[in-house]
Structure formats: C-alpha cells, structure tokens
Amino acid sequence: MRRPVRVDAVTSDHGPDGPLTVRTDTATYRARVVINATGTWDRPYWPHIPGRETFAGRQLHTHDFRSADELRGLDVVVVGGGTSAVQFLLQLDGVAARTTWATRRPPQWTDAPFDTEWGADVERRVRERTLAGLPTLSVVAATGLPLTQEYRRGIASGLLVSRGMFTRITPDGVVFPPGTGASPGSTAETVHADVILWATGFRPSVDHLAPLHLHEPGGGIRTDGTLVAREPRLLLAGYGASASTLGATRAGRRAARAAARRVAKPAL
C-alpha cells in the first residue's frame, strides 16, 4: 500500500488486453484491475451565478462547513434544496442573525415512509440512470425531504421556507427577482448577506479517468453495479447508487470480489 498518493491519470497505454497505467504524483504503476473509489467529496459543485466573484463576504460549501458557531451573529444565505441545506438552517437558527433559504425549485417535501422498501426504490431509480449512461442526480432528487416533526416545526415557523433562487450576487448580498418577497407583487429585493453557504451538492470525482473516455452520449458513465461498460478493467465504487455511505460499503465489497476474480484469471 502507498499513501498518501494523488492519482493524476489512468490510461490504457498497453491496449485493451494489457494493464492499465496509473500515473501518480510519486510513481507510475501498471494494474490488471483498478478499483476507483474516489466518490464525490473532492468535487463540490458551485453553481455559476452572476456576480459571485464580487461578493465581499465569506462563501463556503458543505465541504468546508465546520460549525454553526463560526457564523454566529451573521446574516447567512443558505443555497440548496437538499438535506444538508435543511440541517444547516436548523443549526443556524438562533445562532446566525438571520438566515435566508434559496432553492432552484420548491423543496421536495414527502410523507413517504423511509423504510426498506423506500431505500430499495431509491437505489433502483439511481441504478436505472447509471445503466442508461445518464449523469447521476442529487440524492434529494431521488429521495425527497422527509416531513419529520422537526421539519414541520421549521416550516410552520418560517425557518424552512424557500425564497426561490436569487438571480445575481452583489458585494454585500443577493438579489431575488420580483414576486419572491413576502407579498406577491413585490419588486426585486437585495437581501443582505455576510455569508453565502452553498449546500449545492457534489459531482463524481472522476477527472483522472478522462483518458479512458468512459462517458456515454447521455453524459454519464454506464455501470452495472461496479462494472464499467466501456472498461472491464475498471470498477467504480462510490458512483451512482453506491454514492451513499451504506451503498459505498456494499459496492466496495462487490468491487473487491470482482477484482479478485479477474486477477485470479491468467493474464492474456
């Protein structure tokens, strides 16, 4: 085992029947099988909003959040429609001077029971996309937000009520379009912000796999479980349905077994 090692690129220099080449910041390796388990954490997604580079306050992503106390007494705009954004708003209640929730679409609240059947259905829908070679979606797009009692209280108090999405950022705040204020006929409004907290999710960390040309016309990497359709020497754990903690654990086991079977075969 070698660590820490940063992988710069994985290439197929020896043809489809030879080993893959793994170039790192310390050495170059050849491997009959590569298990890629880079997940998404290293690729936080920052949406492009006009004026973002002009903001004079602090911008941070879920990736960078450490404690609500760091934002005590500040005006915070939380961006994103997923569970992370909701949890940030709850943590900041009574800590931040003011919070504003911005989402691209209305929050997807659901009364569906979060049981074994629900989990299997979520995995099925995500797996259908990866089997079709489509890009993976955010978790909330498949799960929705559970209407727990805590969330219901937050909605009733106005804490968990989205303002919609702002259209631009100024040095000291964000600008919401007309009609998104407290009254239906409101004009465009600038909401002051000391901090913009981007809870806008992550993208698969697979840039180092670009030389293998794995993406399908639909924009995603087609996989069946951990098996990659375009590259049988590569196994993906932590991609698609296995991007969750529990899913990644199961995928890791499947990938290890598949790699062991392949290595056990005589080299071509």
C-alpha atoms as a PDB file:
ATOM      1  CA  MET A   1       0.000   0.000   0.000  1.00  0.00           C
ATOM      2  CA  ARG A   2       1.195   3.524  -0.847  1.00  0.00           C
ATOM      3  CA  ARG A   3      -0.362   6.566   0.792  1.00  0.00           C
ATOM      4  CA  PRO A   4      -0.824   9.433   0.504  1.00  0.00           C
ATOM      5  CA  VAL A   5      -0.690   9.268  -3.296  1.00  0.00           C
ATOM      6  CA  ARG A   6      -2.504  11.555  -5.729  1.00  0.00           C
ATOM      7  CA  VAL A   7      -3.566   9.919  -8.973  1.00  0.00           C
ATOM      8  CA  ASP A   8      -3.139  12.246 -11.936  1.00  0.00           C
ATOM      9  CA  ALA A   9      -4.446   9.975 -14.692  1.00  0.00           C
ATOM     10  CA  VAL A  10      -5.439   6.416 -15.536  1.00  0.00           C
ATOM     11  CA  THR A  11      -4.670   5.466 -19.141  1.00  0.00           C
ATOM     12  CA  SER A  12      -4.795   2.459 -21.445  1.00  0.00           C
ATOM     13  CA  ASP A  13      -1.295   2.683 -22.892  1.00  0.00           C
ATOM     14  CA  HIS A  14      -0.992  -1.078 -23.441  1.00  0.00           C
ATOM     15  CA  GLY A  15      -4.185  -1.617 -25.434  1.00  0.00           C
ATOM     16  CA  PRO A  16      -7.458  -3.242 -24.399  1.00  0.00           C
ATOM     17  CA  ASP A  17      -5.810  -6.523 -23.387  1.00  0.00           C
ATOM     18  CA  GLY A  18      -2.902  -5.101 -21.423  1.00  0.00           C
ATOM     19  CA  PRO A  19      -2.726  -3.482 -17.993  1.00  0.00           C
ATOM     20  CA  LEU A  20      -3.979  -0.027 -17.198  1.00  0.00           C
ATOM     21  CA  THR A  21      -1.395   2.642 -16.425  1.00  0.00           C
ATOM     22  CA  VAL A  22      -1.897   4.622 -13.227  1.00  0.00           C
ATOM     23  CA  ARG A  23       0.142   7.833 -13.128  1.00  0.00           C
ATOM     24  CA  THR A  24       0.532   9.390  -9.700  1.00  0.00           C
ATOM     25  CA  ASP A  25       2.472  12.242  -8.150  1.00  0.00           C
ATOM     26  CA  THR A  26       5.091   9.795  -6.869  1.00  0.00           C
ATOM     27  CA  ALA A  27       5.341   6.971  -9.418  1.00  0.00           C
ATOM     28  CA  THR A  28       3.676   5.189 -12.343  1.00  0.00           C
ATOM     29  CA  TYR A  29       2.047   1.787 -11.876  1.00  0.00           C
ATOM     30  CA  ARG A  30       0.570  -0.861 -14.128  1.00  0.00           C
ATOM     31  CA  ALA A  31      -2.513  -2.748 -12.963  1.00  0.00           C
ATOM     32  CA  ARG A  32      -4.666  -5.513 -14.385  1.00  0.00           C
ATOM     33  CA  VAL A  33      -7.600  -4.115 -12.393  1.00  0.00           C
ATOM     34  CA  VAL A  34      -8.237  -0.663 -10.939  1.00  0.00           C
ATOM     35  CA  ILE A  35     -10.894  -0.038  -8.284  1.00  0.00           C
ATOM     36  CA  ASN A  36     -11.823   3.631  -8.344  1.00  0.00           C
ATOM     37  CA  ALA A  37     -13.372   4.685  -5.030  1.00  0.00           C
ATOM     38  CA  THR A  38     -12.893   8.453  -5.171  1.00  0.00           C
ATOM     39  CA  GLY A  39     -16.548   9.256  -4.504  1.00  0.00           C
ATOM     40  CA  THR A  40     -17.663  12.876  -4.728  1.00  0.00           C
ATOM     41  CA  TRP A  41     -16.282  14.725  -1.707  1.00  0.00           C
ATOM     42  CA  ASP A  42     -13.357  16.234  -3.616  1.00  0.00           C
ATOM     43  CA  ARG A  43     -15.658  17.826  -6.206  1.00  0.00           C
ATOM     44  CA  PRO A  44     -18.048  20.258  -4.518  1.00  0.00           C
ATOM     45  CA  TYR A  45     -20.404  21.852  -7.017  1.00  0.00           C
ATOM     46  CA  TRP A  46     -20.502  25.676  -7.138  1.00  0.00           C
ATOM     47  CA  PRO A  47     -23.270  26.976  -9.430  1.00  0.00           C
ATOM     48  CA  HIS A  48     -22.420  29.907 -11.651  1.00  0.00           C
ATOM     49  CA  ILE A  49     -24.414  32.939 -10.531  1.00  0.00           C
ATOM     50  CA  PRO A  50     -23.622  36.374 -11.994  1.00  0.00           C
ATOM     51  CA  GLY A  51     -21.654  38.482  -9.538  1.00  0.00           C
ATOM     52  CA  ARG A  52     -20.370  35.607  -7.395  1.00  0.00           C
ATOM     53  CA  GLU A  53     -16.792  36.793  -7.774  1.00  0.00           C
ATOM     54  CA  THR A  54     -17.767  40.285  -6.490  1.00  0.00           C
ATOM     55  CA  PHE A  55     -19.127  39.114  -3.135  1.00  0.00           C
ATOM     56  CA  ALA A  56     -17.184  40.771  -0.323  1.00  0.00           C
ATOM     57  CA  GLY A  57     -18.307  38.378   2.404  1.00  0.00           C
ATOM     58  CA  ARG A  58     -17.459  34.748   3.003  1.00  0.00           C
ATOM     59  CA  GLN A  59     -18.518  31.920   0.700  1.00  0.00           C
ATOM     60  CA  LEU A  60     -18.265  28.325   1.822  1.00  0.00           C
ATOM     61  CA  HIS A  61     -19.540  24.971   0.661  1.00  0.00           C
ATOM     62  CA  THR A  62     -20.858  21.973   2.575  1.00  0.00           C
ATOM     63  CA  HIS A  63     -17.339  20.622   2.046  1.00  0.00           C
ATOM     64  CA  ASP A  64     -15.940  23.485   4.180  1.00  0.00           C
ATOM     65  CA  PHE A  65     -18.601  23.761   6.917  1.00  0.00           C
ATOM     66  CA  ARG A  66     -17.277  23.005  10.388  1.00  0.00           C
ATOM     67  CA  SER A  67     -19.511  24.641  12.985  1.00  0.00           C
ATOM     68  CA  ALA A  68     -22.572  26.893  13.098  1.00  0.00           C
ATOM     69  CA  ASP A  69     -20.790  28.874  15.802  1.00  0.00           C
ATOM     70  CA  GLU A  70     -18.351  30.189  13.167  1.00  0.00           C
ATOM     71  CA  LEU A  71     -21.311  32.071  11.663  1.00  0.00           C
ATOM     72  CA  ARG A  72     -22.692  33.445  14.910  1.00  0.00           C
ATOM     73  CA  GLY A  73     -24.343  36.855  14.610  1.00  0.00           C
ATOM     74  CA  LEU A  74     -24.043  36.947  10.808  1.00  0.00           C
ATOM     75  CA  ASP A  75     -26.608  37.148   8.004  1.00  0.00           C
ATOM     76  CA  VAL A  76     -26.396  33.834   6.166  1.00  0.00           C
ATOM     77  CA  VAL A  77     -27.931  32.824   2.836  1.00  0.00           C
ATOM     78  CA  VAL A  78     -28.166  29.036   2.544  1.00  0.00           C
ATOM     79  CA  VAL A  79     -28.359  27.748  -1.044  1.00  0.00           C
ATOM     80  CA  GLY A  80     -29.631  24.287  -1.944  1.00  0.00           C
ATOM     81  CA  GLY A  81     -32.731  22.128  -1.718  1.00  0.00           C
ATOM     82  CA  GLY A  82     -31.332  19.030  -0.044  1.00  0.00           C
ATOM     83  CA  THR A  83     -30.971  17.609   3.441  1.00  0.00           C
ATOM     84  CA  SER A  84     -27.664  19.414   4.059  1.00  0.00           C
ATOM     85  CA  ALA A  85     -29.276  22.819   3.473  1.00  0.00           C
ATOM     86  CA  VAL A  86     -32.158  21.969   5.834  1.00  0.00           C
ATOM     87  CA  GLN A  87     -29.756  20.801   8.532  1.00  0.00           C
ATOM     88  CA  PHE A  88     -27.665  23.961   8.185  1.00  0.00           C
ATOM     89  CA  LEU A  89     -30.753  26.137   8.597  1.00  0.00           C
ATOM     90  CA  LEU A  90     -31.764  24.248  11.731  1.00  0.00           C
ATOM     91  CA  GLN A  91     -28.254  24.510  13.195  1.00  0.00           C
ATOM     92  CA  LEU A  92     -28.059  28.238  12.442  1.00  0.00           C
ATOM     93  CA  ASP A  93     -31.455  29.034  13.973  1.00  0.00           C
ATOM     94  CA  GLY A  94     -30.789  31.248  16.983  1.00  0.00           C
ATOM     95  CA  VAL A  95     -27.079  31.400  16.128  1.00  0.00           C
ATOM     96  CA  ALA A  96     -26.990  33.450  12.936  1.00  0.00           C
ATOM     97  CA  ALA A  97     -28.516  36.927  12.993  1.00  0.00           C
ATOM     98  CA  ARG A  98     -30.733  35.963  10.040  1.00  0.00           C
ATOM     99  CA  THR A  99     -30.988  33.078   7.612  1.00  0.00           C
ATOM    100  CA  THR A 100     -32.467  33.090   4.110  1.00  0.00           C
ATOM    101  CA  TRP A 101     -33.117  29.868   2.218  1.00  0.00           C
ATOM    102  CA  ALA A 102     -32.614  29.919  -1.557  1.00  0.00           C
ATOM    103  CA  THR A 103     -33.579  26.966  -3.752  1.00  0.00           C
ATOM    104  CA  ARG A 104     -33.736  26.498  -7.518  1.00  0.00           C
ATOM    105  CA  ARG A 105     -37.086  24.753  -7.211  1.00  0.00           C
ATOM    106  CA  PRO A 106     -39.578  24.326  -4.325  1.00  0.00           C
ATOM    107  CA  PRO A 107     -38.355  21.938  -1.607  1.00  0.00           C
ATOM    108  CA  GLN A 108     -39.466  18.377  -2.349  1.00  0.00           C
ATOM    109  CA  TRP A 109     -41.176  17.502   0.940  1.00  0.00           C
ATOM    110  CA  THR A 110     -42.577  13.976   1.164  1.00  0.00           C
ATOM    111  CA  ASP A 111     -44.723  11.980   3.587  1.00  0.00           C
ATOM    112  CA  ALA A 112     -43.462   8.665   2.195  1.00  0.00           C
ATOM    113  CA  PRO A 113     -42.227   6.296   4.914  1.00  0.00           C
ATOM    114  CA  PHE A 114     -38.459   5.984   4.919  1.00  0.00           C
ATOM    115  CA  ASP A 115     -38.321   2.189   5.215  1.00  0.00           C
ATOM    116  CA  THR A 116     -36.562  -0.696   3.476  1.00  0.00           C
ATOM    117  CA  GLU A 117     -38.917  -0.535   0.502  1.00  0.00           C
ATOM    118  CA  TRP A 118     -38.222   3.193   0.107  1.00  0.00           C
ATOM    119  CA  GLY A 119     -34.470   2.600   0.138  1.00  0.00           C
ATOM    120  CA  ALA A 120     -34.713  -0.150  -2.457  1.00  0.00           C
ATOM    121  CA  ASP A 121     -36.809   2.107  -4.697  1.00  0.00           C
ATOM    122  CA  VAL A 122     -34.269   4.927  -4.459  1.00  0.00           C
ATOM    123  CA  GLU A 123     -31.412   2.603  -5.404  1.00  0.00           C
ATOM    124  CA  ARG A 124     -33.458   1.214  -8.287  1.00  0.00           C
ATOM    125  CA  ARG A 125     -34.089   4.685  -9.731  1.00  0.00           C
ATOM    126  CA  VAL A 126     -30.443   5.707  -9.431  1.00  0.00           C
ATOM    127  CA  ARG A 127     -29.299   2.389 -10.920  1.00  0.00           C
ATOM    128  CA  GLU A 128     -31.634   2.850 -13.892  1.00  0.00           C
ATOM    129  CA  ARG A 129     -29.853   6.106 -14.706  1.00  0.00           C
ATOM    130  CA  THR A 130     -26.356   4.644 -14.485  1.00  0.00           C
ATOM    131  CA  LEU A 131     -27.398   1.624 -16.551  1.00  0.00           C
ATOM    132  CA  ALA A 132     -28.592   4.073 -19.209  1.00  0.00           C
ATOM    133  CA  GLY A 133     -25.345   6.059 -19.086  1.00  0.00           C
ATOM    134  CA  LEU A 134     -27.057   9.178 -17.740  1.00  0.00           C
ATOM    135  CA  PRO A 135     -25.493  11.618 -15.249  1.00  0.00           C
ATOM    136  CA  THR A 136     -26.159  10.902 -11.605  1.00  0.00           C
ATOM    137  CA  LEU A 137     -28.692  13.133  -9.853  1.00  0.00           C
ATOM    138  CA  SER A 138     -28.591  14.669  -6.394  1.00  0.00           C
ATOM    139  CA  VAL A 139     -29.744  12.433  -3.550  1.00  0.00           C
ATOM    140  CA  VAL A 140     -32.780  14.597  -2.823  1.00  0.00           C
ATOM    141  CA  ALA A 141     -33.950  14.236  -6.415  1.00  0.00           C
ATOM    142  CA  ALA A 142     -34.457  10.539  -5.693  1.00  0.00           C
ATOM    143  CA  THR A 143     -35.454  10.682  -2.025  1.00  0.00           C
ATOM    144  CA  GLY A 144     -37.284  13.937  -1.350  1.00  0.00           C
ATOM    145  CA  LEU A 145     -37.168  15.562   2.091  1.00  0.00           C
ATOM    146  CA  PRO A 146     -38.911  13.606   4.869  1.00  0.00           C
ATOM    147  CA  LEU A 147     -41.562  15.624   6.712  1.00  0.00           C
ATOM    148  CA  THR A 148     -40.325  14.902  10.227  1.00  0.00           C
ATOM    149  CA  GLN A 149     -41.804  16.743  13.186  1.00  0.00           C
ATOM    150  CA  GLU A 150     -38.691  18.903  13.401  1.00  0.00           C
ATOM    151  CA  TYR A 151     -39.032  19.861   9.745  1.00  0.00           C
ATOM    152  CA  ARG A 152     -42.757  20.566  10.159  1.00  0.00           C
ATOM    153  CA  ARG A 153     -41.995  22.939  13.030  1.00  0.00           C
ATOM    154  CA  GLY A 154     -39.375  24.656  10.881  1.00  0.00           C
ATOM    155  CA  ILE A 155     -41.861  25.144   8.070  1.00  0.00           C
ATOM    156  CA  ALA A 156     -44.513  26.490  10.437  1.00  0.00           C
ATOM    157  CA  SER A 157     -42.069  28.991  11.964  1.00  0.00           C
ATOM    158  CA  GLY A 158     -40.937  30.215   8.538  1.00  0.00           C
ATOM    159  CA  LEU A 159     -37.385  28.931   9.027  1.00  0.00           C
ATOM    160  CA  LEU A 160     -37.698  26.208   6.384  1.00  0.00           C
ATOM    161  CA  VAL A 161     -39.465  28.270   3.732  1.00  0.00           C
ATOM    162  CA  SER A 162     -37.581  28.881   0.499  1.00  0.00           C
ATOM    163  CA  ARG A 163     -37.421  32.310  -1.141  1.00  0.00           C
ATOM    164  CA  GLY A 164     -36.753  30.715  -4.518  1.00  0.00           C
ATOM    165  CA  MET A 165     -33.460  31.362  -6.249  1.00  0.00           C
ATOM    166  CA  PHE A 166     -31.646  34.683  -6.444  1.00  0.00           C
ATOM    167  CA  THR A 167     -30.568  35.857  -9.886  1.00  0.00           C
ATOM    168  CA  ARG A 168     -27.350  37.672  -9.039  1.00  0.00           C
ATOM    169  CA  ILE A 169     -24.919  38.421  -6.257  1.00  0.00           C
ATOM    170  CA  THR A 170     -23.747  41.849  -5.140  1.00  0.00           C
ATOM    171  CA  PRO A 171     -20.769  42.694  -2.934  1.00  0.00           C
ATOM    172  CA  ASP A 172     -22.996  42.640   0.151  1.00  0.00           C
ATOM    173  CA  GLY A 173     -25.896  40.349  -0.681  1.00  0.00           C
ATOM    174  CA  VAL A 174     -28.054  38.507  -3.184  1.00  0.00           C
ATOM    175  CA  VAL A 175     -30.838  39.788  -5.419  1.00  0.00           C
ATOM    176  CA  PHE A 176     -34.146  37.929  -5.675  1.00  0.00           C
ATOM    177  CA  PRO A 177     -36.398  38.587  -8.671  1.00  0.00           C
ATOM    178  CA  PRO A 178     -39.774  40.350  -8.376  1.00  0.00           C
ATOM    179  CA  GLY A 179     -42.566  38.291  -6.905  1.00  0.00           C
ATOM    180  CA  THR A 180     -40.453  36.246  -4.490  1.00  0.00           C
ATOM    181  CA  GLY A 181     -40.814  38.511  -1.477  1.00  0.00           C
ATOM    182  CA  ALA A 182     -43.368  38.448   1.296  1.00  0.00           C
ATOM    183  CA  SER A 183     -46.088  39.879  -0.960  1.00  0.00           C
ATOM    184  CA  PRO A 184     -46.937  38.548  -4.460  1.00  0.00           C
ATOM    185  CA  GLY A 185     -46.378  41.914  -6.105  1.00  0.00           C
ATOM    186  CA  SER A 186     -43.013  42.598  -4.531  1.00  0.00           C
ATOM    187  CA  THR A 187     -40.191  44.106  -6.570  1.00  0.00           C
ATOM    188  CA  ALA A 188     -36.672  42.775  -6.875  1.00  0.00           C
ATOM    189  CA  GLU A 189     -35.056  42.751  -3.465  1.00  0.00           C
ATOM    190  CA  THR A 190     -31.468  42.631  -2.300  1.00  0.00           C
ATOM    191  CA  VAL A 191     -31.072  40.519   0.824  1.00  0.00           C
ATOM    192  CA  HIS A 192     -28.016  41.396   2.869  1.00  0.00           C
ATOM    193  CA  ALA A 193     -25.552  38.570   3.403  1.00  0.00           C
ATOM    194  CA  ASP A 194     -22.327  38.255   5.350  1.00  0.00           C
ATOM    195  CA  VAL A 195     -22.042  34.619   4.308  1.00  0.00           C
ATOM    196  CA  ILE A 196     -23.298  32.503   1.412  1.00  0.00           C
ATOM    197  CA  LEU A 197     -23.362  28.825   2.341  1.00  0.00           C
ATOM    198  CA  TRP A 198     -23.552  26.671  -0.780  1.00  0.00           C
ATOM    199  CA  ALA A 199     -25.232  23.346   0.037  1.00  0.00           C
ATOM    200  CA  THR A 200     -25.342  22.546  -3.658  1.00  0.00           C
ATOM    201  CA  GLY A 201     -24.031  19.031  -3.709  1.00  0.00           C
ATOM    202  CA  PHE A 202     -21.106  17.287  -5.341  1.00  0.00           C
ATOM    203  CA  ARG A 203     -20.131  15.751  -8.643  1.00  0.00           C
ATOM    204  CA  PRO A 204     -18.332  12.414  -9.170  1.00  0.00           C
ATOM    205  CA  SER A 205     -14.576  12.800  -8.758  1.00  0.00           C
ATOM    206  CA  VAL A 206     -13.513  11.075 -11.973  1.00  0.00           C
ATOM    207  CA  ASP A 207     -11.448  13.658 -13.850  1.00  0.00           C
ATOM    208  CA  HIS A 208      -8.376  11.411 -13.610  1.00  0.00           C
ATOM    209  CA  LEU A 209     -10.287   8.779 -15.616  1.00  0.00           C
ATOM    210  CA  ALA A 210     -10.850  11.125 -18.576  1.00  0.00           C
ATOM    211  CA  PRO A 211      -8.176   9.442 -20.780  1.00  0.00           C
ATOM    212  CA  LEU A 212     -10.284   6.243 -20.741  1.00  0.00           C
ATOM    213  CA  HIS A 213     -13.223   8.011 -22.459  1.00  0.00           C
ATOM    214  CA  LEU A 214     -15.836   6.397 -20.245  1.00  0.00           C
ATOM    215  CA  HIS A 215     -18.719   8.833 -20.711  1.00  0.00           C
ATOM    216  CA  GLU A 216     -21.709   7.822 -22.797  1.00  0.00           C
ATOM    217  CA  PRO A 217     -23.574  10.171 -25.182  1.00  0.00           C
ATOM    218  CA  GLY A 218     -26.075  10.780 -22.372  1.00  0.00           C
ATOM    219  CA  GLY A 219     -23.326  12.359 -20.273  1.00  0.00           C
ATOM    220  CA  GLY A 220     -22.806   9.701 -17.609  1.00  0.00           C
ATOM    221  CA  ILE A 221     -20.678   6.595 -17.124  1.00  0.00           C
ATOM    222  CA  ARG A 222     -22.696   3.440 -17.809  1.00  0.00           C
ATOM    223  CA  THR A 223     -22.269   0.968 -14.994  1.00  0.00           C
ATOM    224  CA  ASP A 224     -23.925  -2.229 -13.831  1.00  0.00           C
ATOM    225  CA  GLY A 225     -23.205  -2.277 -10.145  1.00  0.00           C
ATOM    226  CA  THR A 226     -19.481  -1.534 -10.012  1.00  0.00           C
ATOM    227  CA  LEU A 227     -18.759  -2.797 -13.545  1.00  0.00           C
ATOM    228  CA  VAL A 228     -17.987  -0.132 -16.154  1.00  0.00           C
ATOM    229  CA  ALA A 229     -19.421  -0.905 -19.587  1.00  0.00           C
ATOM    230  CA  ARG A 230     -16.643   0.742 -21.590  1.00  0.00           C
ATOM    231  CA  GLU A 231     -13.720  -0.505 -19.500  1.00  0.00           C
ATOM    232  CA  PRO A 232     -13.858  -4.016 -17.945  1.00  0.00           C
ATOM    233  CA  ARG A 233     -10.531  -3.458 -16.157  1.00  0.00           C
ATOM    234  CA  LEU A 234     -12.068  -0.655 -14.115  1.00  0.00           C
ATOM    235  CA  LEU A 235     -14.504  -0.962 -11.196  1.00  0.00           C
ATOM    236  CA  LEU A 236     -16.340   2.042  -9.745  1.00  0.00           C
ATOM    237  CA  ALA A 237     -17.287   2.133  -6.067  1.00  0.00           C
ATOM    238  CA  GLY A 238     -18.962   5.274  -4.767  1.00  0.00           C
ATOM    239  CA  TYR A 239     -20.575   6.178  -8.073  1.00  0.00           C
ATOM    240  CA  GLY A 240     -24.316   6.321  -8.774  1.00  0.00           C
ATOM    241  CA  ALA A 241     -26.329   4.115  -6.427  1.00  0.00           C
ATOM    242  CA  SER A 242     -23.224   3.437  -4.340  1.00  0.00           C
ATOM    243  CA  ALA A 243     -22.509   7.130  -3.626  1.00  0.00           C
ATOM    244  CA  SER A 244     -24.125   6.926  -0.169  1.00  0.00           C
ATOM    245  CA  THR A 245     -22.114   5.688   2.809  1.00  0.00           C
ATOM    246  CA  LEU A 246     -24.061   2.433   3.059  1.00  0.00           C
ATOM    247  CA  GLY A 247     -24.094   1.950  -0.704  1.00  0.00           C
ATOM    248  CA  ALA A 248     -20.355   2.542  -0.958  1.00  0.00           C
ATOM    249  CA  THR A 249     -19.706  -0.132   1.679  1.00  0.00           C
ATOM    250  CA  ARG A 250     -21.662  -2.731  -0.271  1.00  0.00           C
ATOM    251  CA  ALA A 251     -20.110  -1.596  -3.569  1.00  0.00           C
ATOM    252  CA  GLY A 252     -16.642  -1.849  -2.059  1.00  0.00           C
ATOM    253  CA  ARG A 253     -17.248  -5.487  -1.216  1.00  0.00           C
ATOM    254  CA  ARG A 254     -18.611  -6.241  -4.688  1.00  0.00           C
ATOM    255  CA  ALA A 255     -15.696  -4.461  -6.351  1.00  0.00           C
ATOM    256  CA  ALA A 256     -13.146  -6.334  -4.226  1.00  0.00           C
ATOM    257  CA  ARG A 257     -14.708  -9.686  -5.121  1.00  0.00           C
ATOM    258  CA  ALA A 258     -14.855  -8.800  -8.822  1.00  0.00           C
ATOM    259  CA  ALA A 259     -11.225  -7.642  -8.782  1.00  0.00           C
ATOM    260  CA  ALA A 260     -10.129 -10.848  -7.043  1.00  0.00           C
ATOM    261  CA  ARG A 261     -11.893 -12.951  -9.680  1.00  0.00           C
ATOM    262  CA  ARG A 262     -10.285 -11.031 -12.516  1.00  0.00           C
ATOM    263  CA  VAL A 263      -6.799 -11.154 -11.019  1.00  0.00           C
ATOM    264  CA  ALA A 264      -7.188 -14.895 -10.457  1.00  0.00           C
ATOM    265  CA  LYS A 265      -7.613 -15.412 -14.209  1.00  0.00           C
ATOM    266  CA  PRO A 266      -4.429 -15.963 -16.212  1.00  0.00           C
ATOM    267  CA  ALA A 267      -3.102 -12.772 -17.819  1.00  0.00           C
ATOM    268  CA  LEU A 268      -3.652 -12.532 -21.561  1.00  0.00           C
END
